[in-house]
Amino acid sequence: MGGIMGPMLPAQYATDRDNYKHRD
């Protein structure tokens, strides 16, 4: 925004932390 970084969001928004178990 205007040459600077916009509002930094909390960590839980920056990375999707949904958790699913992998099964073949």
PDB file of all heavy atoms in Angstrom:
ATOM      1  N   MET A   1       0.872  -1.171   0.000  1.00  0.00           N
ATOM      2  CA  MET A   1       0.000   0.000   0.000  1.00  0.00           C
ATOM      3  C   MET A   1       0.913   1.227   0.000  1.00  0.00           C
ATOM      4  O   MET A   1       1.610   1.486   0.977  1.00  0.00           O
ATOM      5  CB  MET A   1      -0.923   0.025   1.215  1.00  0.00           C
ATOM      6  CG  MET A   1      -1.886  -1.139   1.266  1.00  0.00           C
ATOM      7  SD  MET A   1      -3.229  -0.909   2.444  1.00  0.00           S
ATOM      8  CE  MET A   1      -2.436  -0.116   3.806  1.00  0.00           C
ATOM      9  N   GLY A   2       0.913   2.000  -1.108  1.00  0.00           N
ATOM     10  CA  GLY A   2       1.684   3.223  -1.149  1.00  0.00           C
ATOM     11  C   GLY A   2       3.171   3.013  -0.943  1.00  0.00           C
ATOM     12  O   GLY A   2       3.850   3.837  -0.331  1.00  0.00           O
ATOM     13  N   GLY A   3       3.703   1.894  -1.448  1.00  0.00           N
ATOM     14  CA  GLY A   3       5.131   1.671  -1.347  1.00  0.00           C
ATOM     15  C   GLY A   3       5.571   0.998  -0.063  1.00  0.00           C
ATOM     16  O   GLY A   3       6.739   0.712   0.110  1.00  0.00           O
ATOM     17  N   ILE A   4       4.627   0.724   0.883  1.00  0.00           N
ATOM     18  CA  ILE A   4       4.967   0.026   2.114  1.00  0.00           C
ATOM     19  C   ILE A   4       4.072  -1.187   2.247  1.00  0.00           C
ATOM     20  O   ILE A   4       3.071  -1.312   1.558  1.00  0.00           O
ATOM     21  CB  ILE A   4       4.798   0.942   3.351  1.00  0.00           C
ATOM     22  CG1 ILE A   4       3.320   1.357   3.479  1.00  0.00           C
ATOM     23  CG2 ILE A   4       5.692   2.163   3.269  1.00  0.00           C
ATOM     24  CD1 ILE A   4       3.024   2.094   4.771  1.00  0.00           C
ATOM     25  N   MET A   5       4.468  -2.075   3.123  1.00  0.00           N
ATOM     26  CA  MET A   5       3.639  -3.266   3.325  1.00  0.00           C
ATOM     27  C   MET A   5       2.373  -2.888   4.063  1.00  0.00           C
ATOM     28  O   MET A   5       2.393  -2.088   4.997  1.00  0.00           O
ATOM     29  CB  MET A   5       4.410  -4.316   4.122  1.00  0.00           C
ATOM     30  CG  MET A   5       5.594  -4.912   3.363  1.00  0.00           C
ATOM     31  SD  MET A   5       5.093  -5.724   1.848  1.00  0.00           S
ATOM     32  CE  MET A   5       4.229  -7.142   2.514  1.00  0.00           C
ATOM     33  N   GLY A   6       1.275  -3.496   3.646  1.00  0.00           N
ATOM     34  CA  GLY A   6       0.008  -3.253   4.305  1.00  0.00           C
ATOM     35  C   GLY A   6      -0.046  -3.912   5.656  1.00  0.00           C
ATOM     36  O   GLY A   6       0.937  -4.487   6.127  1.00  0.00           O
ATOM     37  N   PRO A   7      -1.192  -3.858   6.327  1.00  0.00           N
ATOM     38  CA  PRO A   7      -1.338  -4.418   7.675  1.00  0.00           C
ATOM     39  C   PRO A   7      -0.924  -5.877   7.713  1.00  0.00           C
ATOM     40  O   PRO A   7      -1.367  -6.673   6.901  1.00  0.00           O
ATOM     41  CB  PRO A   7      -2.844  -4.249   7.964  1.00  0.00           C
ATOM     42  CG  PRO A   7      -3.276  -3.147   7.063  1.00  0.00           C
ATOM     43  CD  PRO A   7      -2.437  -3.270   5.826  1.00  0.00           C
ATOM     44  N   MET A   8      -0.038  -6.211   8.645  1.00  0.00           N
ATOM     45  CA  MET A   8       0.367  -7.604   8.830  1.00  0.00           C
ATOM     46  C   MET A   8      -0.696  -8.334   9.618  1.00  0.00           C
ATOM     47  O   MET A   8      -1.169  -7.846  10.639  1.00  0.00           O
ATOM     48  CB  MET A   8       1.698  -7.669   9.571  1.00  0.00           C
ATOM     49  CG  MET A   8       2.865  -7.107   8.779  1.00  0.00           C
ATOM     50  SD  MET A   8       4.381  -7.159   9.750  1.00  0.00           S
ATOM     51  CE  MET A   8       4.513  -8.920  10.012  1.00  0.00           C
ATOM     52  N   LEU A   9      -1.070  -9.497   9.142  1.00  0.00           N
ATOM     53  CA  LEU A   9      -2.114 -10.268   9.782  1.00  0.00           C
ATOM     54  C   LEU A   9      -1.505 -11.283  10.720  1.00  0.00           C
ATOM     55  O   LEU A   9      -0.375 -11.726  10.536  1.00  0.00           O
ATOM     56  CB  LEU A   9      -2.957 -10.975   8.726  1.00  0.00           C
ATOM     57  CG  LEU A   9      -3.747 -10.013   7.826  1.00  0.00           C
ATOM     58  CD1 LEU A   9      -4.405 -10.801   6.722  1.00  0.00           C
ATOM     59  CD2 LEU A   9      -4.750  -9.226   8.605  1.00  0.00           C
ATOM     60  N   PRO A  10      -2.250 -11.686  11.753  1.00  0.00           N
ATOM     61  CA  PRO A  10      -1.737 -12.687  12.688  1.00  0.00           C
ATOM     62  C   PRO A  10      -1.346 -13.970  11.975  1.00  0.00           C
ATOM     63  O   PRO A  10      -1.779 -14.264  10.867  1.00  0.00           O
ATOM     64  CB  PRO A  10      -2.930 -12.908  13.642  1.00  0.00           C
ATOM     65  CG  PRO A  10      -3.709 -11.645  13.560  1.00  0.00           C
ATOM     66  CD  PRO A  10      -3.553 -11.169  12.143  1.00  0.00           C
ATOM     67  N   ALA A  11      -0.540 -14.782  12.660  1.00  0.00           N
ATOM     68  CA  ALA A  11       0.050 -15.969  12.038  1.00  0.00           C
ATOM     69  C   ALA A  11      -0.987 -16.937  11.513  1.00  0.00           C
ATOM     70  O   ALA A  11      -0.787 -17.572  10.487  1.00  0.00           O
ATOM     71  CB  ALA A  11       0.962 -16.670  13.044  1.00  0.00           C
ATOM     72  N   GLN A  12      -2.151 -17.051  12.209  1.00  0.00           N
ATOM     73  CA  GLN A  12      -3.108 -18.058  11.775  1.00  0.00           C
ATOM     74  C   GLN A  12      -3.754 -17.682  10.454  1.00  0.00           C
ATOM     75  O   GLN A  12      -4.306 -18.523   9.775  1.00  0.00           O
ATOM     76  CB  GLN A  12      -4.184 -18.301  12.842  1.00  0.00           C
ATOM     77  CG  GLN A  12      -5.190 -17.170  12.994  1.00  0.00           C
ATOM     78  CD  GLN A  12      -4.708 -16.126  13.985  1.00  0.00           C
ATOM     79  OE1 GLN A  12      -3.552 -16.132  14.368  1.00  0.00           O
ATOM     80  NE2 GLN A  12      -5.588 -15.254  14.392  1.00  0.00           N
ATOM     81  N   TYR A  13      -3.687 -16.380  10.060  1.00  0.00           N
ATOM     82  CA  TYR A  13      -4.213 -15.999   8.762  1.00  0.00           C
ATOM     83  C   TYR A  13      -3.161 -16.129   7.667  1.00  0.00           C
ATOM     84  O   TYR A  13      -3.467 -16.366   6.517  1.00  0.00           O
ATOM     85  CB  TYR A  13      -4.721 -14.549   8.802  1.00  0.00           C
ATOM     86  CG  TYR A  13      -6.035 -14.406   9.483  1.00  0.00           C
ATOM     87  CD1 TYR A  13      -6.181 -13.601  10.604  1.00  0.00           C
ATOM     88  CD2 TYR A  13      -7.150 -15.088   9.004  1.00  0.00           C
ATOM     89  CE1 TYR A  13      -7.404 -13.470  11.225  1.00  0.00           C
ATOM     90  CE2 TYR A  13      -8.373 -14.968   9.625  1.00  0.00           C
ATOM     91  CZ  TYR A  13      -8.500 -14.145  10.726  1.00  0.00           C
ATOM     92  OH  TYR A  13      -9.704 -14.020  11.350  1.00  0.00           O
ATOM     93  N   ALA A  14      -1.876 -15.939   8.021  1.00  0.00           N
ATOM     94  CA  ALA A  14      -0.827 -15.987   7.024  1.00  0.00           C
ATOM     95  C   ALA A  14      -0.652 -17.393   6.463  1.00  0.00           C
ATOM     96  O   ALA A  14      -0.239 -17.565   5.335  1.00  0.00           O
ATOM     97  CB  ALA A  14       0.476 -15.505   7.635  1.00  0.00           C
ATOM     98  N   THR A  15      -0.932 -18.410   7.244  1.00  0.00           N
ATOM     99  CA  THR A  15      -0.771 -19.792   6.813  1.00  0.00           C
ATOM    100  C   THR A  15      -2.031 -20.574   7.130  1.00  0.00           C
ATOM    101  O   THR A  15      -2.544 -20.502   8.234  1.00  0.00           O
ATOM    102  CB  THR A  15       0.423 -20.437   7.534  1.00  0.00           C
ATOM    103  OG1 THR A  15       1.584 -19.673   7.267  1.00  0.00           O
ATOM    104  CG2 THR A  15       0.641 -21.855   7.039  1.00  0.00           C
ATOM    105  N   ASP A  16      -2.517 -21.307   6.138  1.00  0.00           N
ATOM    106  CA  ASP A  16      -3.659 -22.180   6.367  1.00  0.00           C
ATOM    107  C   ASP A  16      -3.200 -23.351   7.229  1.00  0.00           C
ATOM    108  O   ASP A  16      -2.311 -24.099   6.860  1.00  0.00           O
ATOM    109  CB  ASP A  16      -4.174 -22.686   5.021  1.00  0.00           C
ATOM    110  CG  ASP A  16      -5.515 -23.373   5.139  1.00  0.00           C
ATOM    111  OD1 ASP A  16      -5.755 -24.022   6.184  1.00  0.00           O
ATOM    112  OD2 ASP A  16      -6.315 -23.272   4.198  1.00  0.00           O
ATOM    113  N   ARG A  17      -3.828 -23.496   8.427  1.00  0.00           N
ATOM    114  CA  ARG A  17      -3.393 -24.533   9.353  1.00  0.00           C
ATOM    115  C   ARG A  17      -4.411 -25.668   9.446  1.00  0.00           C
ATOM    116  O   ARG A  17      -4.396 -26.427  10.408  1.00  0.00           O
ATOM    117  CB  ARG A  17      -3.149 -23.928  10.748  1.00  0.00           C
ATOM    118  CG  ARG A  17      -2.058 -22.864  10.758  1.00  0.00           C
ATOM    119  CD  ARG A  17      -1.709 -22.459  12.187  1.00  0.00           C
ATOM    120  NE  ARG A  17      -2.855 -21.923  12.874  1.00  0.00           N
ATOM    121  CZ  ARG A  17      -3.175 -22.201  14.147  1.00  0.00           C
ATOM    122  NH1 ARG A  17      -2.439 -23.044  14.825  1.00  0.00           N
ATOM    123  NH2 ARG A  17      -4.233 -21.658  14.708  1.00  0.00           N
ATOM    124  N   ASP A  18      -5.286 -25.793   8.468  1.00  0.00           N
ATOM    125  CA  ASP A  18      -6.186 -26.946   8.454  1.00  0.00           C
ATOM    126  C   ASP A  18      -5.352 -28.224   8.442  1.00  0.00           C
ATOM    127  O   ASP A  18      -4.312 -28.296   7.785  1.00  0.00           O
ATOM    128  CB  ASP A  18      -7.098 -26.901   7.230  1.00  0.00           C
ATOM    129  CG  ASP A  18      -8.114 -25.766   7.283  1.00  0.00           C
ATOM    130  OD1 ASP A  18      -8.281 -25.182   8.360  1.00  0.00           O
ATOM    131  OD2 ASP A  18      -8.720 -25.479   6.239  1.00  0.00           O
ATOM    132  N   ASN A  19      -5.829 -29.223   9.156  1.00  0.00           N
ATOM    133  CA  ASN A  19      -5.036 -30.434   9.360  1.00  0.00           C
ATOM    134  C   ASN A  19      -5.799 -31.665   8.877  1.00  0.00           C
ATOM    135  O   ASN A  19      -6.838 -32.013   9.438  1.00  0.00           O
ATOM    136  CB  ASN A  19      -4.700 -30.576  10.850  1.00  0.00           C
ATOM    137  CG  ASN A  19      -3.780 -31.745  11.130  1.00  0.00           C
ATOM    138  OD1 ASN A  19      -3.014 -32.158  10.269  1.00  0.00           O
ATOM    139  ND2 ASN A  19      -3.861 -32.279  12.329  1.00  0.00           N
ATOM    140  N   TYR A  20      -5.295 -32.304   7.821  1.00  0.00           N
ATOM    141  CA  TYR A  20      -5.903 -33.507   7.276  1.00  0.00           C
ATOM    142  C   TYR A  20      -4.867 -34.626   7.243  1.00  0.00           C
ATOM    143  O   TYR A  20      -3.716 -34.396   6.892  1.00  0.00           O
ATOM    144  CB  TYR A  20      -6.429 -33.250   5.860  1.00  0.00           C
ATOM    145  CG  TYR A  20      -7.474 -32.181   5.790  1.00  0.00           C
ATOM    146  CD1 TYR A  20      -7.147 -30.891   5.370  1.00  0.00           C
ATOM    147  CD2 TYR A  20      -8.783 -32.430   6.173  1.00  0.00           C
ATOM    148  CE1 TYR A  20      -8.100 -29.895   5.324  1.00  0.00           C
ATOM    149  CE2 TYR A  20      -9.740 -31.443   6.127  1.00  0.00           C
ATOM    150  CZ  TYR A  20      -9.392 -30.175   5.705  1.00  0.00           C
ATOM    151  OH  TYR A  20     -10.343 -29.193   5.667  1.00  0.00           O
ATOM    152  N   LYS A  21      -5.296 -35.811   7.592  1.00  0.00           N
ATOM    153  CA  LYS A  21      -4.377 -36.942   7.617  1.00  0.00           C
ATOM    154  C   LYS A  21      -4.286 -37.576   6.229  1.00  0.00           C
ATOM    155  O   LYS A  21      -5.305 -37.827   5.598  1.00  0.00           O
ATOM    156  CB  LYS A  21      -4.844 -37.980   8.637  1.00  0.00           C
ATOM    157  CG  LYS A  21      -3.878 -39.148   8.803  1.00  0.00           C
ATOM    158  CD  LYS A  21      -4.290 -40.029   9.973  1.00  0.00           C
ATOM    159  CE  LYS A  21      -3.303 -41.177  10.159  1.00  0.00           C
ATOM    160  NZ  LYS A  21      -3.635 -42.000  11.356  1.00  0.00           N
ATOM    161  N   HIS A  22      -3.076 -37.848   5.804  1.00  0.00           N
ATOM    162  CA  HIS A  22      -2.897 -38.488   4.501  1.00  0.00           C
ATOM    163  C   HIS A  22      -3.103 -39.997   4.615  1.00  0.00           C
ATOM    164  O   HIS A  22      -2.565 -40.649   5.512  1.00  0.00           O
ATOM    165  CB  HIS A  22      -1.495 -38.215   3.960  1.00  0.00           C
ATOM    166  CG  HIS A  22      -1.212 -38.955   2.686  1.00  0.00           C
ATOM    167  ND1 HIS A  22      -1.850 -38.653   1.496  1.00  0.00           N
ATOM    168  CD2 HIS A  22      -0.393 -40.005   2.415  1.00  0.00           C
ATOM    169  CE1 HIS A  22      -1.425 -39.469   0.555  1.00  0.00           C
ATOM    170  NE2 HIS A  22      -0.545 -40.307   1.084  1.00  0.00           N
ATOM    171  N   ARG A  23      -3.873 -40.530   3.680  1.00  0.00           N
ATOM    172  CA  ARG A  23      -4.067 -41.987   3.585  1.00  0.00           C
ATOM    173  C   ARG A  23      -3.975 -42.377   2.115  1.00  0.00           C
ATOM    174  O   ARG A  23      -4.652 -41.788   1.272  1.00  0.00           O
ATOM    175  CB  ARG A  23      -5.437 -42.407   4.146  1.00  0.00           C
ATOM    176  CG  ARG A  23      -5.609 -42.145   5.641  1.00  0.00           C
ATOM    177  CD  ARG A  23      -7.003 -42.556   6.108  1.00  0.00           C
ATOM    178  NE  ARG A  23      -7.172 -42.397   7.535  1.00  0.00           N
ATOM    179  CZ  ARG A  23      -7.590 -41.276   8.125  1.00  0.00           C
ATOM    180  NH1 ARG A  23      -7.870 -40.215   7.384  1.00  0.00           N
ATOM    181  NH2 ARG A  23      -7.725 -41.215   9.426  1.00  0.00           N
ATOM    182  N   ASP A  24      -3.150 -43.356   1.828  1.00  0.00           N
ATOM    183  CA  ASP A  24      -3.060 -43.845   0.458  1.00  0.00           C
ATOM    184  C   ASP A  24      -4.362 -44.541   0.068  1.00  0.00           C
ATOM    185  O   ASP A  24      -4.998 -45.211   0.886  1.00  0.00           O
ATOM    186  CB  ASP A  24      -1.899 -44.828   0.323  1.00  0.00           C
ATOM    187  CG  ASP A  24      -0.540 -44.149   0.458  1.00  0.00           C
ATOM    188  OD1 ASP A  24      -0.444 -42.949   0.101  1.00  0.00           O
ATOM    189  OD2 ASP A  24       0.402 -44.808   0.932  1.00  0.00           O
TER     190      ASP A  24
END
